[in-house]
Amino acid sequence: MIQRQFNNLSKSTSFLNRKSRGDVPGWVLVVLMTTALVTGIWSIAAPKLTTILRNSLDAMGGIK
């Protein structure tokens, strides 16, 4: 019984012994593409978002 549990444990942790780096170039590409998208969207939306925020804060100032 103990031997069977030990075998099951060694099978479930065998992935830890692999020397795999994973898909590093893929993740780098994902990070770069995400950064480019966020920068592009932000550069387009920033003026409108600034206007919306400024109008909202001005409207709240008149509520007192």
Protein backbone atom coordinates (compact mmCIF):
# COMPACT_ATOMS: atom_id res chain seq x y z
CA MET A 1 0.00 0.00 0.00
CA ILE A 2 2.78 2.44 0.89
CA GLN A 3 4.68 1.45 -2.24
CA ARG A 4 1.61 2.18 -4.37
CA GLN A 5 1.17 5.62 -2.78
CA PHE A 6 4.85 6.37 -3.33
CA ASN A 7 4.55 5.37 -6.99
CA ASN A 8 1.49 7.60 -7.42
CA LEU A 9 3.33 10.49 -5.78
CA SER A 10 6.39 10.06 -7.98
CA LYS A 11 4.20 9.95 -11.10
CA SER A 12 2.34 13.12 -10.12
CA THR A 13 5.56 15.07 -9.47
CA SER A 14 7.49 13.80 -12.48
CA PHE A 15 6.74 17.03 -14.35
CA LEU A 16 8.95 18.87 -11.83
CA ASN A 17 11.99 16.94 -13.03
CA ARG A 18 11.68 18.16 -16.62
CA LYS A 19 14.03 20.92 -17.61
CA SER A 20 11.61 22.83 -19.77
CA ARG A 21 11.81 26.58 -20.13
CA GLY A 22 8.32 26.82 -21.47
CA ASP A 23 7.35 29.00 -24.37
CA VAL A 24 9.41 32.09 -23.49
CA PRO A 25 9.44 33.63 -27.01
CA GLY A 26 5.67 33.22 -27.18
CA TRP A 27 5.17 35.02 -23.87
CA VAL A 28 7.53 37.80 -24.91
CA LEU A 29 5.51 38.28 -28.08
CA VAL A 30 2.24 38.35 -26.11
CA VAL A 31 3.64 40.97 -23.71
CA LEU A 32 4.96 43.15 -26.53
CA MET A 33 1.70 42.96 -28.48
CA THR A 34 -0.35 43.76 -25.38
CA THR A 35 1.88 46.74 -24.62
CA ALA A 36 1.50 48.01 -28.17
CA LEU A 37 -2.28 47.67 -28.05
CA VAL A 38 -2.60 49.44 -24.70
CA THR A 39 -0.32 52.25 -25.84
CA GLY A 40 -2.23 52.67 -29.09
CA ILE A 41 -5.65 52.66 -27.47
CA TRP A 42 -4.49 54.98 -24.68
CA SER A 43 -3.04 57.51 -27.14
CA ILE A 44 -6.36 57.63 -28.99
CA ALA A 45 -8.64 57.66 -25.93
CA ALA A 46 -6.61 59.88 -23.55
CA PRO A 47 -7.97 63.26 -24.71
CA LYS A 48 -11.59 62.10 -24.57
CA LEU A 49 -11.10 60.45 -21.16
CA THR A 50 -9.48 63.64 -19.85
CA THR A 51 -12.45 65.68 -21.05
CA ILE A 52 -14.94 63.27 -19.47
CA LEU A 53 -13.09 63.31 -16.15
CA ARG A 54 -12.74 67.10 -16.13
CA ASN A 55 -16.46 67.56 -16.89
CA SER A 56 -17.42 65.10 -14.16
CA LEU A 57 -15.25 66.81 -11.56
CA ASP A 58 -16.57 70.23 -12.57
CA ALA A 59 -20.15 68.96 -12.26
CA MET A 60 -19.44 67.57 -8.79
CA GLY A 61 -17.97 70.92 -7.71
CA GLY A 62 -21.29 72.63 -8.37
CA ILE A 63 -23.31 70.14 -6.27
CA LYS A 64 -22.25 71.32 -2.77
